[in-house]
C-alpha atoms as a PDB file:
ATOM      1  CA  MET A   1     131.491   0.324 250.249  1.00  0.00           C
ATOM      2  CA  TYR A   2     132.558   3.663 248.816  1.00  0.00           C
ATOM      3  CA  LYS A   3     136.218   2.932 249.543  1.00  0.00           C
ATOM      4  CA  SER A   4     135.934  -0.391 247.698  1.00  0.00           C
ATOM      5  CA  VAL A   5     134.462   1.357 244.653  1.00  0.00           C
ATOM      6  CA  PHE A   6     137.448   3.707 244.604  1.00  0.00           C
ATOM      7  CA  GLU A   7     139.819   0.751 244.753  1.00  0.00           C
ATOM      8  CA  MET A   8     137.948  -0.979 241.919  1.00  0.00           C
ATOM      9  CA  SER A   9     138.034   2.082 239.651  1.00  0.00           C
ATOM     10  CA  ALA A  10     141.262   3.073 237.896  1.00  0.00           C
ATOM     11  CA  ASP A  11     139.755   6.325 236.618  1.00  0.00           C
ATOM     12  CA  ARG A  12     136.777   8.615 237.174  1.00  0.00           C
ATOM     13  CA  VAL A  13     134.702   7.150 234.332  1.00  0.00           C
ATOM     14  CA  ALA A  14     135.154   3.661 235.783  1.00  0.00           C
ATOM     15  CA  PHE A  15     134.145   5.050 239.187  1.00  0.00           C
ATOM     16  CA  VAL A  16     130.772   6.253 237.884  1.00  0.00           C
ATOM     17  CA  SER A  17     130.288   2.956 236.046  1.00  0.00           C
ATOM     18  CA  ASN A  18     131.076   0.893 239.151  1.00  0.00           C
ATOM     19  CA  LEU A  19     129.071   3.044 241.554  1.00  0.00           C
ATOM     20  CA  PHE A  20     125.896   3.090 239.468  1.00  0.00           C
ATOM     21  CA  SER A  21     126.192  -0.365 237.822  1.00  0.00           C
ATOM     22  CA  ARG A  22     126.077   0.916 234.280  1.00  0.00           C
ATOM     23  CA  LYS A  23     128.263  -0.037 231.342  1.00  0.00           C
ATOM     24  CA  THR A  24     130.597   2.708 230.178  1.00  0.00           C
ATOM     25  CA  PRO A  25     129.471   4.565 227.020  1.00  0.00           C
ATOM     26  CA  ALA A  26     132.022   4.208 224.242  1.00  0.00           C
ATOM     27  CA  VAL A  27     132.229   7.992 223.750  1.00  0.00           C
ATOM     28  CA  LEU A  28     133.736   8.605 227.191  1.00  0.00           C
ATOM     29  CA  THR A  29     137.404   8.867 228.096  1.00  0.00           C
ATOM     30  CA  ASP A  30     139.177   9.890 231.287  1.00  0.00           C
ATOM     31  CA  ALA A  31     139.495  13.372 229.777  1.00  0.00           C
ATOM     32  CA  SER A  32     135.754  13.837 229.185  1.00  0.00           C
ATOM     33  CA  PRO A  33     134.180  16.854 230.954  1.00  0.00           C
ATOM     34  CA  VAL A  34     132.303  15.857 234.086  1.00  0.00           C
ATOM     35  CA  ARG A  35     128.948  17.049 232.696  1.00  0.00           C
ATOM     36  CA  THR A  36     129.495  14.911 229.610  1.00  0.00           C
ATOM     37  CA  VAL A  37     130.270  11.917 231.843  1.00  0.00           C
ATOM     38  CA  PHE A  38     126.969  12.200 233.713  1.00  0.00           C
ATOM     39  CA  GLU A  39     124.886  13.080 230.677  1.00  0.00           C
ATOM     40  CA  SER A  40     126.243  10.016 228.856  1.00  0.00           C
ATOM     41  CA  PHE A  41     125.687   7.653 231.781  1.00  0.00           C
ATOM     42  CA  SER A  42     122.163   9.015 232.292  1.00  0.00           C
ATOM     43  CA  ARG A  43     121.180   7.418 228.985  1.00  0.00           C
ATOM     44  CA  VAL A  44     122.506   3.983 229.983  1.00  0.00           C
ATOM     45  CA  PRO A  45     120.130   1.593 231.800  1.00  0.00           C
ATOM     46  CA  VAL A  46     121.162  -0.154 234.979  1.00  0.00           C
ATOM     47  CA  ASP A  47     122.747  -3.577 234.463  1.00  0.00           C
ATOM     48  CA  ALA A  48     121.382  -5.930 237.146  1.00  0.00           C
ATOM     49  CA  VAL A  49     124.000  -8.591 236.436  1.00  0.00           C
ATOM     50  CA  LEU A  50     126.783  -6.026 236.723  1.00  0.00           C
ATOM     51  CA  ALA A  51     125.340  -4.796 240.017  1.00  0.00           C
ATOM     52  CA  GLN A  52     125.481  -8.274 241.539  1.00  0.00           C
ATOM     53  CA  GLU A  53     129.036  -8.792 240.284  1.00  0.00           C
ATOM     54  CA  HIS A  54     130.103  -5.508 241.834  1.00  0.00           C
ATOM     55  CA  LEU A  55     128.443  -6.393 245.132  1.00  0.00           C
ATOM     56  CA  LYS A  56     130.381  -9.642 245.294  1.00  0.00           C
ATOM     57  CA  GLU A  57     133.653  -7.822 244.653  1.00  0.00           C
ATOM     58  CA  ILE A  58     132.892  -5.103 247.200  1.00  0.00           C
ATOM     59  CA  LEU A  59     132.099  -7.621 249.937  1.00  0.00           C
ATOM     60  CA  ALA A  60     135.129  -9.739 249.049  1.00  0.00           C
ATOM     61  CA  ARG A  61     137.408  -6.719 249.307  1.00  0.00           C
ATOM     62  CA  LEU A  62     136.006  -5.701 252.662  1.00  0.00           C
ATOM     63  CA  LYS A  63     136.188  -9.181 254.158  1.00  0.00           C
ATOM     64  CA  THR A  64     139.327 -10.591 252.522  1.00  0.00           C
ATOM     65  CA  ARG A  65     141.565  -7.659 251.586  1.00  0.00           C
ATOM     66  CA  HIS A  66     140.690  -5.441 254.550  1.00  0.00           C
ATOM     67  CA  GLY A  67     139.788  -8.150 257.051  1.00  0.00           C
ATOM     68  CA  PHE A  68     136.476  -6.741 258.275  1.00  0.00           C
ATOM     69  CA  ALA A  69     134.354  -9.280 260.145  1.00  0.00           C
ATOM     70  CA  LEU A  70     131.042  -8.289 258.576  1.00  0.00           C
ATOM     71  CA  THR A  71     127.849  -9.568 260.146  1.00  0.00           C
ATOM     72  CA  ALA A  72     124.848 -10.653 258.114  1.00  0.00           C
ATOM     73  CA  ALA A  73     123.230  -7.322 259.022  1.00  0.00           C
ATOM     74  CA  ASP A  74     126.323  -5.438 257.765  1.00  0.00           C
ATOM     75  CA  GLU A  75     126.209  -7.243 254.438  1.00  0.00           C
ATOM     76  CA  SER A  76     122.484  -6.649 254.085  1.00  0.00           C
ATOM     77  CA  ARG A  77     122.932  -2.931 254.721  1.00  0.00           C
ATOM     78  CA  ILE A  78     125.799  -2.662 252.219  1.00  0.00           C
ATOM     79  CA  ARG A  79     123.682  -4.425 249.597  1.00  0.00           C
ATOM     80  CA  ALA A  80     120.765  -2.084 250.230  1.00  0.00           C
ATOM     81  CA  ILE A  81     122.917   1.042 249.969  1.00  0.00           C
ATOM     82  CA  TYR A  82     124.736  -0.114 246.849  1.00  0.00           C
ATOM     83  CA  LEU A  83     121.530  -1.096 245.072  1.00  0.00           C
ATOM     84  CA  THR A  84     120.046   2.301 245.935  1.00  0.00           C
ATOM     85  CA  PHE A  85     122.685   3.914 243.719  1.00  0.00           C
ATOM     86  CA  ALA A  86     121.845   1.466 240.942  1.00  0.00           C
ATOM     87  CA  ARG A  87     118.110   2.128 241.270  1.00  0.00           C
ATOM     88  CA  GLU A  88     118.272   5.922 241.590  1.00  0.00           C
ATOM     89  CA  GLY A  89     120.555   6.497 238.615  1.00  0.00           C
ATOM     90  CA  VAL A  90     123.121   9.213 238.047  1.00  0.00           C
ATOM     91  CA  LEU A  91     120.916  12.324 237.816  1.00  0.00           C
ATOM     92  CA  ASN A  92     118.433  12.170 240.679  1.00  0.00           C
ATOM     93  CA  PHE A  93     118.567  10.853 244.211  1.00  0.00           C
ATOM     94  CA  SER A  94     115.096  10.984 245.701  1.00  0.00           C
ATOM     95  CA  SER A  95     116.019   8.504 248.463  1.00  0.00           C
ATOM     96  CA  SER A  96     117.813  11.368 250.218  1.00  0.00           C
ATOM     97  CA  TYR A  97     115.588  14.232 251.407  1.00  0.00           C
ATOM     98  CA  MET A  98     116.083  17.435 249.393  1.00  0.00           C
ATOM     99  CA  SER A  99     119.155  15.978 247.685  1.00  0.00           C
ATOM    100  CA  PRO A 100     120.333  17.857 244.584  1.00  0.00           C
ATOM    101  CA  GLY A 101     121.221  14.500 243.044  1.00  0.00           C
ATOM    102  CA  TYR A 102     124.640  12.921 242.652  1.00  0.00           C
ATOM    103  CA  SER A 103     125.404  14.567 239.320  1.00  0.00           C
ATOM    104  CA  GLY A 104     124.238  17.893 240.735  1.00  0.00           C
ATOM    105  CA  LEU A 105     126.788  17.669 243.541  1.00  0.00           C
ATOM    106  CA  MET A 106     129.583  16.602 241.221  1.00  0.00           C
ATOM    107  CA  THR A 107     128.972  19.371 238.674  1.00  0.00           C
ATOM    108  CA  LEU A 108     128.445  22.313 241.047  1.00  0.00           C
ATOM    109  CA  THR A 109     130.868  25.210 240.802  1.00  0.00           C
ATOM    110  CA  ASP A 110     131.923  27.969 243.143  1.00  0.00           C
ATOM    111  CA  ARG A 111     131.138  31.620 242.439  1.00  0.00           C
ATOM    112  CA  ALA A 112     134.210  31.839 240.215  1.00  0.00           C
ATOM    113  CA  GLY A 113     132.936  28.954 238.093  1.00  0.00           C
ATOM    114  CA  LYS A 114     135.432  26.385 239.367  1.00  0.00           C
ATOM    115  CA  ASN A 115     134.322  22.808 240.059  1.00  0.00           C
ATOM    116  CA  TRP A 116     136.215  21.346 243.031  1.00  0.00           C
ATOM    117  CA  SER A 117     134.623  17.858 243.042  1.00  0.00           C
ATOM    118  CA  PHE A 118     136.786  14.761 242.909  1.00  0.00           C
ATOM    119  CA  LEU A 119     135.168  13.813 239.595  1.00  0.00           C
ATOM    120  CA  ALA A 120     135.732  17.216 237.975  1.00  0.00           C
ATOM    121  CA  ALA A 121     139.089  16.275 236.473  1.00  0.00           C
ATOM    122  CA  LYS A 122     141.534  13.400 236.204  1.00  0.00           C
ATOM    123  CA  GLU A 123     144.009  14.937 238.637  1.00  0.00           C
ATOM    124  CA  ASN A 124     141.257  15.442 241.243  1.00  0.00           C
ATOM    125  CA  TYR A 125     140.154  11.833 241.064  1.00  0.00           C
ATOM    126  CA  ASP A 126     143.679  10.438 241.009  1.00  0.00           C
ATOM    127  CA  ARG A 127     144.570  12.374 244.142  1.00  0.00           C
ATOM    128  CA  VAL A 128     141.565  11.156 246.136  1.00  0.00           C
ATOM    129  CA  ARG A 129     141.982   7.564 244.924  1.00  0.00           C
ATOM    130  CA  ALA A 130     145.661   7.596 245.922  1.00  0.00           C
ATOM    131  CA  MET A 131     144.630   8.757 249.404  1.00  0.00           C
ATOM    132  CA  HIS A 132     142.213   5.826 249.657  1.00  0.00           C
ATOM    133  CA  GLU A 133     144.889   3.377 248.520  1.00  0.00           C
ATOM    134  CA  LYS A 134     147.263   4.700 251.212  1.00  0.00           C
ATOM    135  CA  ASN A 135     144.484   4.507 253.830  1.00  0.00           C
ATOM    136  CA  LEU A 136     144.630   8.272 254.333  1.00  0.00           C
ATOM    137  CA  ILE A 137     140.829   8.381 254.107  1.00  0.00           C
ATOM    138  CA  VAL A 138     139.409   6.152 256.828  1.00  0.00           C
ATOM    139  CA  PRO A 139     135.648   5.467 256.974  1.00  0.00           C
ATOM    140  CA  LEU A 140     134.196   5.384 260.492  1.00  0.00           C
ATOM    141  CA  VAL A 141     130.714   4.362 261.554  1.00  0.00           C
ATOM    142  CA  GLY A 142     129.478   5.552 264.903  1.00  0.00           C
ATOM    143  CA  ASP A 143     127.016   7.486 267.039  1.00  0.00           C
ATOM    144  CA  PHE A 144     127.899  11.190 267.388  1.00  0.00           C
ATOM    145  CA  GLY A 145     126.029  11.207 270.678  1.00  0.00           C
ATOM    146  CA  GLY A 146     127.524   7.916 271.875  1.00  0.00           C
ATOM    147  CA  SER A 147     130.473   7.179 274.105  1.00  0.00           C
ATOM    148  CA  LYS A 148     133.031   5.739 271.671  1.00  0.00           C
ATOM    149  CA  ALA A 149     133.292   6.824 268.011  1.00  0.00           C
ATOM    150  CA  LEU A 150     134.094  10.536 268.286  1.00  0.00           C
ATOM    151  CA  ARG A 151     136.131  10.147 271.453  1.00  0.00           C
ATOM    152  CA  MET A 152     138.269   7.398 269.922  1.00  0.00           C
ATOM    153  CA  ALA A 153     138.884   9.582 266.854  1.00  0.00           C
ATOM    154  CA  GLY A 154     139.874  12.434 269.135  1.00  0.00           C
ATOM    155  CA  GLN A 155     142.217  10.204 271.109  1.00  0.00           C
ATOM    156  CA  TYR A 156     143.857   9.059 267.869  1.00  0.00           C
ATOM    157  CA  LEU A 157     144.592  12.695 266.985  1.00  0.00           C
ATOM    158  CA  LYS A 158     145.988  13.346 270.460  1.00  0.00           C
ATOM    159  CA  ASP A 159     148.196  10.258 270.277  1.00  0.00           C
ATOM    160  CA  HIS A 160     149.656  11.590 267.015  1.00  0.00           C
ATOM    161  CA  GLY A 161     150.107  15.180 268.182  1.00  0.00           C
ATOM    162  CA  ALA A 162     147.472  16.513 265.758  1.00  0.00           C
ATOM    163  CA  VAL A 163     144.525  18.890 266.027  1.00  0.00           C
ATOM    164  CA  LEU A 164     141.158  18.709 264.316  1.00  0.00           C
ATOM    165  CA  ASN A 165     141.095  21.438 261.665  1.00  0.00           C
ATOM    166  CA  VAL A 166     137.664  20.980 260.060  1.00  0.00           C
ATOM    167  CA  PHE A 167     134.696  18.839 261.108  1.00  0.00           C
ATOM    168  CA  TYR A 168     131.933  18.681 258.473  1.00  0.00           C
ATOM    169  CA  LEU A 169     128.723  17.666 260.237  1.00  0.00           C
ATOM    170  CA  SER A 170     126.196  17.900 257.387  1.00  0.00           C
ATOM    171  CA  ASN A 171     122.726  17.771 259.010  1.00  0.00           C
ATOM    172  CA  VAL A 172     123.583  15.175 261.655  1.00  0.00           C
ATOM    173  CA  GLU A 173     122.485  17.580 264.389  1.00  0.00           C
ATOM    174  CA  ASP A 174     118.879  17.142 263.226  1.00  0.00           C
ATOM    175  CA  TYR A 175     119.082  13.636 264.704  1.00  0.00           C
ATOM    176  CA  ILE A 176     120.982  14.271 267.944  1.00  0.00           C
ATOM    177  CA  GLY A 177     117.816  14.648 270.015  1.00  0.00           C
ATOM    178  CA  GLY A 178     118.024  14.170 273.773  1.00  0.00           C
ATOM    179  CA  VAL A 179     121.745  13.400 273.908  1.00  0.00           C
ATOM    180  CA  TRP A 180     122.881  16.923 273.008  1.00  0.00           C
ATOM    181  CA  PRO A 181     125.073  17.357 276.149  1.00  0.00           C
ATOM    182  CA  GLN A 182     126.925  14.135 275.370  1.00  0.00           C
ATOM    183  CA  TYR A 183     127.353  15.234 271.750  1.00  0.00           C
ATOM    184  CA  VAL A 184     128.838  18.591 272.786  1.00  0.00           C
ATOM    185  CA  SER A 185     131.104  16.815 275.260  1.00  0.00           C
ATOM    186  CA  ASN A 186     132.295  14.527 272.467  1.00  0.00           C
ATOM    187  CA  ILE A 187     133.127  17.526 270.269  1.00  0.00           C
ATOM    188  CA  ALA A 188     134.952  19.118 273.205  1.00  0.00           C
ATOM    189  CA  SER A 189     137.158  16.025 273.538  1.00  0.00           C
ATOM    190  CA  PHE A 190     138.875  16.718 270.209  1.00  0.00           C
ATOM    191  CA  PRO A 191     142.234  18.466 270.265  1.00  0.00           C
ATOM    192  CA  MET A 192     141.608  21.852 268.656  1.00  0.00           C
ATOM    193  CA  ASP A 193     143.098  25.308 268.257  1.00  0.00           C
ATOM    194  CA  ALA A 194     141.750  28.787 267.535  1.00  0.00           C
ATOM    195  CA  ALA A 195     141.351  27.990 263.818  1.00  0.00           C
ATOM    196  CA  SER A 196     139.386  24.732 264.255  1.00  0.00           C
ATOM    197  CA  VAL A 197     135.912  24.966 262.705  1.00  0.00           C
ATOM    198  CA  LEU A 198     132.670  23.041 262.374  1.00  0.00           C
ATOM    199  CA  VAL A 199     130.769  23.097 259.086  1.00  0.00           C
ATOM    200  CA  ARG A 200     127.090  22.675 259.994  1.00  0.00           C
ATOM    201  CA  TRP A 201     124.004  22.416 257.777  1.00  0.00           C
ATOM    202  CA  HIS A 202     120.302  22.588 258.500  1.00  0.00           C
ATOM    203  CA  ILE A 203     117.514  21.900 256.019  1.00  0.00           C
ATOM    204  CA  GLY A 204     116.300  25.147 254.488  1.00  0.00           C
ATOM    205  CA  GLN A 205     119.264  27.160 255.782  1.00  0.00           C
ATOM    206  CA  GLN A 206     122.675  28.035 254.428  1.00  0.00           C
ATOM    207  CA  ASN A 207     125.801  26.250 255.576  1.00  0.00           C
ATOM    208  CA  THR A 208     127.261  27.646 258.777  1.00  0.00           C
ATOM    209  CA  ILE A 209     130.954  27.686 259.575  1.00  0.00           C
ATOM    210  CA  ALA A 210     131.421  27.948 263.327  1.00  0.00           C
ATOM    211  CA  SER A 211     134.415  28.046 265.624  1.00  0.00           C
ATOM    212  CA  MET A 212     134.725  24.756 267.486  1.00  0.00           C
ATOM    213  CA  ASN A 213     135.757  26.585 270.642  1.00  0.00           C
ATOM    214  CA  ASP A 214     132.702  28.869 270.445  1.00  0.00           C
ATOM    215  CA  PHE A 215     130.427  25.893 269.768  1.00  0.00           C
ATOM    216  CA  VAL A 216     131.696  24.001 272.801  1.00  0.00           C
ATOM    217  CA  ARG A 217     131.348  27.084 275.016  1.00  0.00           C
ATOM    218  CA  THR A 218     127.808  27.979 273.892  1.00  0.00           C
ATOM    219  CA  GLY A 219     126.620  24.441 273.114  1.00  0.00           C
ATOM    220  CA  ARG A 220     126.868  23.407 276.742  1.00  0.00           C
ATOM    221  CA  GLN A 221     124.397  26.154 277.569  1.00  0.00           C
ATOM    222  CA  ARG A 222     121.742  24.888 275.097  1.00  0.00           C
END
């Protein structure tokens, strides 16, 4: 769904409009500061007709342009996720536990005051969109503790003589449960080197950057 929205959106203002199903305020241009973009869209109500039009285009792109054989359950899930963005709006996102909100994520800065988000500037957005159009960003859906998704990704890297540099896990480990050994084994199947790292996050704690090699060695002892 997200990839389709990128393809539909020639610039970052159009991206926000298409993702949240809101008409673009006349005051905005592709050069508008990111805070101005979100503040302006926050005053625009959701357009239910626009949301349905976007859903049709998203599904058509996935099925026709990209050739995905979506099941009825797939389509239902995509509709639910897309309409969540329309319902929540651009400032808050209460459907995700302890989320800072979409605009919060896109307007955060580092300690030097620099915003690195893909919506921070035209050149940021253009670069990420170009990667999507070249299929250099590939969405995968799978079970981290299962037998296929991670191992197939690892095999792809091996087949192309590559190593996994960074694996951002978010808080997925909160849901691993009783399949922890299989999960660690899946991580271990990736080609890695001494610089390969995991970026892990746990609710109420700071992000943790950990060596993949150390994680595999100690994780098997958990």
